[in-house]
C-alpha atoms as a PDB file:
ATOM      1  CA  MET A   1     -93.352  39.387  79.474  1.00  0.00           C
ATOM      2  CA  ILE A   2     -95.084  38.364  76.282  1.00  0.00           C
ATOM      3  CA  LYS A   3     -92.841  37.062  73.536  1.00  0.00           C
ATOM      4  CA  PRO A   4     -93.077  39.048  70.270  1.00  0.00           C
ATOM      5  CA  TYR A   5     -94.863  37.260  67.452  1.00  0.00           C
ATOM      6  CA  PHE A   6     -92.794  38.755  64.640  1.00  0.00           C
ATOM      7  CA  PRO A   7     -88.997  39.089  64.487  1.00  0.00           C
ATOM      8  CA  LYS A   8     -87.695  42.612  64.672  1.00  0.00           C
ATOM      9  CA  GLY A   9     -87.402  44.084  61.223  1.00  0.00           C
ATOM     10  CA  ASP A  10     -86.026  47.424  60.186  1.00  0.00           C
ATOM     11  CA  GLU A  11     -85.372  49.111  63.546  1.00  0.00           C
ATOM     12  CA  THR A  12     -85.834  52.561  62.005  1.00  0.00           C
ATOM     13  CA  VAL A  13     -89.503  51.921  61.172  1.00  0.00           C
ATOM     14  CA  ALA A  14     -91.814  51.917  64.173  1.00  0.00           C
ATOM     15  CA  PRO A  15     -94.911  49.706  63.960  1.00  0.00           C
ATOM     16  CA  LEU A  16     -98.255  51.386  63.296  1.00  0.00           C
ATOM     17  CA  ARG A  17    -100.717  51.156  66.189  1.00  0.00           C
ATOM     18  CA  HIS A  18    -104.387  51.833  66.652  1.00  0.00           C
ATOM     19  CA  SER A  19    -106.787  50.937  69.469  1.00  0.00           C
ATOM     20  CA  VAL A  20    -110.550  50.662  69.573  1.00  0.00           C
ATOM     21  CA  PRO A  21    -112.745  50.569  72.686  1.00  0.00           C
ATOM     22  CA  ARG A  22    -115.426  47.897  73.079  1.00  0.00           C
ATOM     23  CA  ARG A  23    -117.742  46.433  75.679  1.00  0.00           C
ATOM     24  CA  VAL A  24    -118.574  42.720  75.883  1.00  0.00           C
ATOM     25  CA  ARG A  25    -122.089  42.142  74.573  1.00  0.00           C
ATOM     26  CA  PHE A  26    -124.465  39.466  75.815  1.00  0.00           C
ATOM     27  CA  GLU A  27    -124.338  37.602  72.497  1.00  0.00           C
ATOM     28  CA  GLU A  28    -120.547  37.237  72.818  1.00  0.00           C
ATOM     29  CA  VAL A  29    -120.493  35.242  76.056  1.00  0.00           C
ATOM     30  CA  ASP A  30    -121.022  31.560  76.747  1.00  0.00           C
ATOM     31  CA  ALA A  31    -123.076  29.926  79.503  1.00  0.00           C
ATOM     32  CA  LEU A  32    -120.321  30.754  82.015  1.00  0.00           C
ATOM     33  CA  GLY A  33    -120.599  34.471  81.244  1.00  0.00           C
ATOM     34  CA  ILE A  34    -117.143  34.706  79.633  1.00  0.00           C
ATOM     35  CA  VAL A  35    -116.383  35.629  76.040  1.00  0.00           C
ATOM     36  CA  TRP A  36    -116.590  32.559  73.822  1.00  0.00           C
ATOM     37  CA  HIS A  37    -113.179  31.831  72.272  1.00  0.00           C
ATOM     38  CA  GLY A  38    -114.498  32.134  68.708  1.00  0.00           C
ATOM     39  CA  ARG A  39    -115.344  35.821  69.186  1.00  0.00           C
ATOM     40  CA  TYR A  40    -111.715  36.918  69.398  1.00  0.00           C
ATOM     41  CA  ALA A  41    -111.166  36.765  65.637  1.00  0.00           C
ATOM     42  CA  SER A  42    -113.972  39.319  65.292  1.00  0.00           C
ATOM     43  CA  TYR A  43    -112.363  41.531  67.937  1.00  0.00           C
ATOM     44  CA  PHE A  44    -109.077  41.423  66.043  1.00  0.00           C
ATOM     45  CA  GLU A  45    -110.990  42.313  62.881  1.00  0.00           C
ATOM     46  CA  ASP A  46    -112.478  45.411  64.543  1.00  0.00           C
ATOM     47  CA  ALA A  47    -109.041  46.800  65.363  1.00  0.00           C
ATOM     48  CA  ARG A  48    -107.449  45.723  62.067  1.00  0.00           C
ATOM     49  CA  ALA A  49    -110.200  47.422  60.047  1.00  0.00           C
ATOM     50  CA  ALA A  50    -109.942  50.619  62.124  1.00  0.00           C
ATOM     51  CA  LEU A  51    -106.156  50.759  61.664  1.00  0.00           C
ATOM     52  CA  GLY A  52    -106.513  50.197  57.921  1.00  0.00           C
ATOM     53  CA  LYS A  53    -109.099  52.958  57.631  1.00  0.00           C
ATOM     54  CA  LYS A  54    -106.961  55.359  59.695  1.00  0.00           C
ATOM     55  CA  PHE A  55    -103.886  54.894  57.500  1.00  0.00           C
ATOM     56  CA  GLY A  56    -105.590  54.463  54.111  1.00  0.00           C
ATOM     57  CA  ILE A  57    -104.790  50.765  53.746  1.00  0.00           C
ATOM     58  CA  GLY A  58    -108.142  49.233  54.588  1.00  0.00           C
ATOM     59  CA  TYR A  59    -110.006  46.537  52.722  1.00  0.00           C
ATOM     60  CA  LEU A  60    -111.673  48.979  50.357  1.00  0.00           C
ATOM     61  CA  ASP A  61    -108.335  50.621  49.564  1.00  0.00           C
ATOM     62  CA  PHE A  62    -106.888  47.274  48.500  1.00  0.00           C
ATOM     63  CA  TYR A  63    -110.105  46.377  46.686  1.00  0.00           C
ATOM     64  CA  ALA A  64    -109.999  49.645  44.724  1.00  0.00           C
ATOM     65  CA  HIS A  65    -106.597  48.506  43.431  1.00  0.00           C
ATOM     66  CA  LYS A  66    -107.930  45.007  42.648  1.00  0.00           C
ATOM     67  CA  ILE A  67    -105.880  43.433  45.421  1.00  0.00           C
ATOM     68  CA  LEU A  68    -107.233  40.781  47.782  1.00  0.00           C
ATOM     69  CA  THR A  69    -105.780  40.358  51.283  1.00  0.00           C
ATOM     70  CA  PRO A  70    -107.014  37.038  52.697  1.00  0.00           C
ATOM     71  CA  ILE A  71    -105.894  35.869  56.098  1.00  0.00           C
ATOM     72  CA  LYS A  72    -103.372  33.034  55.818  1.00  0.00           C
ATOM     73  CA  VAL A  73    -102.687  32.606  59.555  1.00  0.00           C
ATOM     74  CA  LEU A  74    -104.738  33.409  62.659  1.00  0.00           C
ATOM     75  CA  HIS A  75    -103.229  32.747  66.078  1.00  0.00           C
ATOM     76  CA  VAL A  76    -104.775  33.542  69.487  1.00  0.00           C
ATOM     77  CA  ASP A  77    -103.311  33.250  72.997  1.00  0.00           C
ATOM     78  CA  TYR A  78    -105.820  33.480  75.848  1.00  0.00           C
ATOM     79  CA  HIS A  79    -104.356  34.855  79.083  1.00  0.00           C
ATOM     80  CA  PHE A  80    -107.354  35.978  81.118  1.00  0.00           C
ATOM     81  CA  PRO A  81    -111.112  35.914  80.337  1.00  0.00           C
ATOM     82  CA  LEU A  82    -113.334  38.853  79.510  1.00  0.00           C
ATOM     83  CA  THR A  83    -116.830  38.834  81.012  1.00  0.00           C
ATOM     84  CA  PHE A  84    -120.265  40.151  80.101  1.00  0.00           C
ATOM     85  CA  ASP A  85    -120.565  43.961  79.967  1.00  0.00           C
ATOM     86  CA  GLU A  86    -116.863  44.459  80.655  1.00  0.00           C
ATOM     87  CA  PRO A  87    -115.215  47.372  78.813  1.00  0.00           C
ATOM     88  CA  PHE A  88    -111.982  46.555  76.979  1.00  0.00           C
ATOM     89  CA  THR A  89    -109.676  47.829  74.246  1.00  0.00           C
ATOM     90  CA  ILE A  90    -108.288  46.058  71.227  1.00  0.00           C
ATOM     91  CA  GLU A  91    -104.952  47.292  69.913  1.00  0.00           C
ATOM     92  CA  ALA A  92    -103.848  46.397  66.398  1.00  0.00           C
ATOM     93  CA  VAL A  93    -100.150  46.693  65.573  1.00  0.00           C
ATOM     94  CA  LEU A  94     -98.989  46.530  61.965  1.00  0.00           C
ATOM     95  CA  HIS A  95     -95.364  45.417  61.760  1.00  0.00           C
ATOM     96  CA  TRP A  96     -93.036  46.625  59.042  1.00  0.00           C
ATOM     97  CA  THR A  97     -92.233  44.303  56.172  1.00  0.00           C
ATOM     98  CA  GLU A  98     -91.419  44.958  52.555  1.00  0.00           C
ATOM     99  CA  ALA A  99     -92.969  41.627  51.572  1.00  0.00           C
ATOM    100  CA  ALA A 100     -96.403  41.401  49.939  1.00  0.00           C
ATOM    101  CA  ARG A 101     -98.096  40.612  53.230  1.00  0.00           C
ATOM    102  CA  LEU A 102     -99.570  42.274  56.288  1.00  0.00           C
ATOM    103  CA  ASN A 103     -98.257  41.190  59.698  1.00  0.00           C
ATOM    104  CA  PHE A 104    -100.709  42.259  62.401  1.00  0.00           C
ATOM    105  CA  GLU A 105    -100.341  41.717  66.116  1.00  0.00           C
ATOM    106  CA  TYR A 106    -103.199  42.254  68.606  1.00  0.00           C
ATOM    107  CA  VAL A 107    -103.378  43.022  72.298  1.00  0.00           C
ATOM    108  CA  ILE A 108    -106.670  43.048  74.187  1.00  0.00           C
ATOM    109  CA  ARG A 109    -106.720  44.748  77.591  1.00  0.00           C
ATOM    110  CA  ASN A 110    -109.557  44.795  80.094  1.00  0.00           C
ATOM    111  CA  HIS A 111    -110.771  47.889  81.972  1.00  0.00           C
ATOM    112  CA  GLU A 112    -107.892  47.468  84.439  1.00  0.00           C
ATOM    113  CA  GLU A 113    -105.377  47.486  81.542  1.00  0.00           C
ATOM    114  CA  LYS A 114    -104.600  43.830  82.211  1.00  0.00           C
ATOM    115  CA  ILE A 115    -103.685  41.916  79.051  1.00  0.00           C
ATOM    116  CA  THR A 116    -106.385  39.327  78.472  1.00  0.00           C
ATOM    117  CA  THR A 117    -105.624  38.123  74.969  1.00  0.00           C
ATOM    118  CA  THR A 118    -102.879  38.435  72.377  1.00  0.00           C
ATOM    119  CA  GLY A 119    -102.579  37.128  68.870  1.00  0.00           C
ATOM    120  CA  TYR A 120    -101.577  37.764  65.313  1.00  0.00           C
ATOM    121  CA  THR A 121    -102.695  37.419  61.727  1.00  0.00           C
ATOM    122  CA  VAL A 122    -100.779  37.204  58.483  1.00  0.00           C
ATOM    123  CA  GLN A 123    -102.515  38.381  55.316  1.00  0.00           C
ATOM    124  CA  LEU A 124    -101.226  37.663  51.844  1.00  0.00           C
ATOM    125  CA  MET A 125    -101.689  39.942  48.861  1.00  0.00           C
ATOM    126  CA  LEU A 126    -103.331  38.440  45.778  1.00  0.00           C
ATOM    127  CA  ASP A 127    -104.057  39.937  42.387  1.00  0.00           C
ATOM    128  CA  ALA A 128    -107.483  39.894  40.701  1.00  0.00           C
ATOM    129  CA  ASP A 129    -106.783  36.361  39.422  1.00  0.00           C
ATOM    130  CA  GLU A 130    -106.104  35.256  43.015  1.00  0.00           C
ATOM    131  CA  GLU A 131    -102.416  34.731  42.317  1.00  0.00           C
ATOM    132  CA  VAL A 132    -100.047  35.431  45.217  1.00  0.00           C
ATOM    133  CA  LEU A 133     -98.034  38.604  44.699  1.00  0.00           C
ATOM    134  CA  MET A 134     -94.293  38.393  45.200  1.00  0.00           C
ATOM    135  CA  LEU A 135     -93.980  42.173  45.564  1.00  0.00           C
ATOM    136  CA  PRO A 136     -96.476  44.597  47.104  1.00  0.00           C
ATOM    137  CA  PRO A 137     -98.624  46.529  44.624  1.00  0.00           C
ATOM    138  CA  LEU A 138     -97.548  50.045  43.688  1.00  0.00           C
ATOM    139  CA  PHE A 139    -100.042  51.861  45.937  1.00  0.00           C
ATOM    140  CA  TYR A 140     -98.858  49.851  48.943  1.00  0.00           C
ATOM    141  CA  ARG A 141     -95.169  50.401  48.082  1.00  0.00           C
ATOM    142  CA  GLU A 142     -95.928  54.136  48.037  1.00  0.00           C
ATOM    143  CA  PHE A 143     -97.552  53.760  51.460  1.00  0.00           C
ATOM    144  CA  LEU A 144     -94.461  51.887  52.726  1.00  0.00           C
ATOM    145  CA  ASP A 145     -92.277  54.728  51.487  1.00  0.00           C
ATOM    146  CA  ARG A 146     -94.394  57.294  53.384  1.00  0.00           C
ATOM    147  CA  TRP A 147     -94.410  55.088  56.480  1.00  0.00           C
ATOM    148  CA  LYS A 148     -90.628  54.702  56.410  1.00  0.00           C
ATOM    149  CA  ARG A 149     -90.248  58.490  56.074  1.00  0.00           C
ATOM    150  CA  GLY A 150     -92.651  59.004  58.997  1.00  0.00           C
ATOM    151  CA  LYS A 151     -95.406  60.523  56.810  1.00  0.00           C
ATOM    152  CA  LYS A 152     -98.117  57.897  57.152  1.00  0.00           C
END
């Protein structure tokens, strides 16, 4: 059992999930033929960007509203290695919060559905002057309202 990274929030709002398939490329492995630990941030990014695009809250959506979303925290737990040419999936899970932040959790599974890696990121929301927002911007609050009503 893997311990949750984020405390349970509003139980009526299910997390948003999206998975992307990948295959380990030669350039991603080390001399031992396993994925180099530094590549996992990029894997998380692949799934996070795909989830954002799917739900209309991707980088360009924030950018269009003059909002920056830098990563404040990146955490990775390695459970089992991935190897060259191995197919795998990366699942991004966006957890509900009404704060001006994005709490993403990630689960990477190999071709046997075995969990190989888990982790999380926390992104802050900044205005155009790079000041931390205390409340989410209007477009994101509207998204939260749709999410809570089940109309993502």
